[in-house]
Amino acid sequence: MKILFDQGTPVPLRKHLAEHEVFTAFEKNWSHLKNGELLQQAEEEGFELLVTTDQNLRYQQNLQERKIAIVVLMSTSWPKIQKNIDTIVTSINAVNARDYLEIAIPDKEKTE
């Protein structure tokens, strides 16, 4: 799957998605694009999934006409994301076109 990381998506997540083709908005020189423009450009370039931490995206954009799937990580904290990596990767691997998925990122404290 061709995946685009929006600004704010921790880049270290990429190494856990090795079977996918992952790019960042920065690498594509799209950092200046607003959300609607970014979604349009991503679809035009064949991206199948946008991974973002923008929790307001669904309120700011009409997503009904979009083909691209969107996964929203509900935290920007890499340590928290890292603790939930299995759930995140499983969810990303299961996403289909036009899906919109918010992934909660709880603090996983050790319970003894």
Protein backbone atom coordinates (compact mmCIF):
# COMPACT_ATOMS: atom_id res chain seq x y z
CA MET A 1 0.00 0.00 0.00
CA LYS A 2 1.20 3.52 -0.77
CA ILE A 3 1.04 5.54 2.48
CA LEU A 4 1.49 9.26 3.13
CA PHE A 5 2.46 10.56 6.58
CA ASP A 6 1.04 14.00 7.29
CA GLN A 7 2.96 16.60 9.30
CA GLY A 8 3.00 15.50 12.92
CA THR A 9 2.98 11.77 12.20
CA PRO A 10 6.09 10.38 13.91
CA VAL A 11 8.48 9.21 11.18
CA PRO A 12 9.86 6.28 13.25
CA LEU A 13 6.50 4.58 12.63
CA ARG A 14 7.69 4.02 9.06
CA LYS A 15 10.08 1.21 10.01
CA HIS A 16 7.13 -0.78 11.37
CA LEU A 17 5.37 -0.54 7.99
CA ALA A 18 8.23 -2.00 5.96
CA GLU A 19 5.95 -3.95 3.59
CA HIS A 20 4.34 -0.67 2.50
CA GLU A 21 5.64 2.24 0.45
CA VAL A 22 5.73 5.15 2.93
CA PHE A 23 6.39 8.83 2.16
CA THR A 24 6.09 11.96 4.27
CA ALA A 25 4.45 15.21 3.24
CA PHE A 26 7.83 16.83 3.83
CA GLU A 27 9.60 14.42 1.45
CA LYS A 28 7.00 15.11 -1.24
CA ASN A 29 7.47 18.87 -0.69
CA TRP A 30 3.80 19.11 0.34
CA SER A 31 4.33 20.57 3.82
CA HIS A 32 2.78 23.86 2.70
CA LEU A 33 -0.46 22.26 1.49
CA LYS A 34 -3.64 22.67 3.53
CA ASN A 35 -5.58 19.49 4.38
CA GLY A 36 -7.97 19.62 1.41
CA GLU A 37 -5.13 20.28 -1.02
CA LEU A 38 -3.01 17.58 0.60
CA LEU A 39 -5.78 14.99 0.29
CA GLN A 40 -6.36 15.94 -3.35
CA GLN A 41 -2.65 15.78 -4.24
CA ALA A 42 -2.24 12.47 -2.41
CA GLU A 43 -5.15 10.92 -4.32
CA GLU A 44 -3.84 12.24 -7.63
CA GLU A 45 -0.46 10.61 -6.92
CA GLY A 46 -2.01 7.24 -6.09
CA PHE A 47 -1.70 7.24 -2.32
CA GLU A 48 -4.07 4.78 -0.71
CA LEU A 49 -3.75 5.90 2.91
CA LEU A 50 -3.06 9.12 4.81
CA VAL A 51 -1.78 8.70 8.35
CA THR A 52 -2.25 11.87 10.36
CA THR A 53 -2.46 13.15 13.92
CA ASP A 54 -4.92 15.91 12.95
CA GLN A 55 -7.92 15.06 15.10
CA ASN A 56 -10.01 17.83 13.52
CA LEU A 57 -9.62 16.60 9.94
CA ARG A 58 -13.06 15.01 9.74
CA TYR A 59 -14.67 18.25 10.92
CA GLN A 60 -12.67 20.44 8.55
CA GLN A 61 -13.03 18.39 5.37
CA ASN A 62 -15.83 16.68 3.49
CA LEU A 63 -14.41 13.16 3.35
CA GLN A 64 -17.36 11.47 1.62
CA GLU A 65 -15.99 11.97 -1.90
CA ARG A 66 -12.46 10.87 -0.99
CA LYS A 67 -11.02 7.58 -2.23
CA ILE A 68 -8.03 7.67 0.09
CA ALA A 69 -8.33 5.94 3.47
CA ILE A 70 -7.48 8.03 6.53
CA VAL A 71 -6.04 6.80 9.81
CA VAL A 72 -5.89 9.35 12.64
CA LEU A 73 -3.49 8.64 15.47
CA MET A 74 -4.99 10.25 18.57
CA SER A 75 -1.56 11.28 19.87
CA THR A 76 1.60 12.83 18.47
CA SER A 77 3.77 11.33 21.20
CA TRP A 78 6.18 8.78 19.74
CA PRO A 79 6.73 7.05 23.14
CA LYS A 80 2.96 6.53 23.50
CA ILE A 81 2.58 5.47 19.85
CA GLN A 82 5.50 3.07 20.20
CA LYS A 83 3.78 1.35 23.15
CA ASN A 84 0.74 0.75 20.92
CA ILE A 85 2.60 -0.16 17.74
CA ASP A 86 1.03 -3.61 17.27
CA THR A 87 -2.51 -2.18 17.35
CA ILE A 88 -1.55 0.62 14.97
CA VAL A 89 0.17 -1.64 12.44
CA THR A 90 -2.68 -4.18 12.54
CA SER A 91 -5.21 -1.39 11.96
CA ILE A 92 -3.21 0.10 9.08
CA ASN A 93 -2.82 -3.30 7.44
CA ALA A 94 -6.61 -3.86 7.61
CA VAL A 95 -7.70 -0.47 6.23
CA ASN A 96 -9.65 -0.29 2.96
CA ALA A 97 -10.24 2.52 0.47
CA ARG A 98 -12.44 5.32 1.86
CA ASP A 99 -12.09 4.06 5.45
CA TYR A 100 -11.79 6.64 8.21
CA LEU A 101 -10.31 5.27 11.42
CA GLU A 102 -9.28 6.95 14.64
CA ILE A 103 -6.83 4.96 16.74
CA ALA A 104 -6.84 5.70 20.46
CA ILE A 105 -3.36 5.81 21.94
CA PRO A 106 -3.70 4.95 25.63
CA ASP A 107 -0.80 5.06 28.03
CA LYS A 108 0.09 1.43 28.49
CA GLU A 109 1.53 1.26 31.97
CA LYS A 110 3.00 -1.95 33.24
CA THR A 111 0.61 -3.72 35.55
CA GLU A 112 2.09 -6.15 37.97
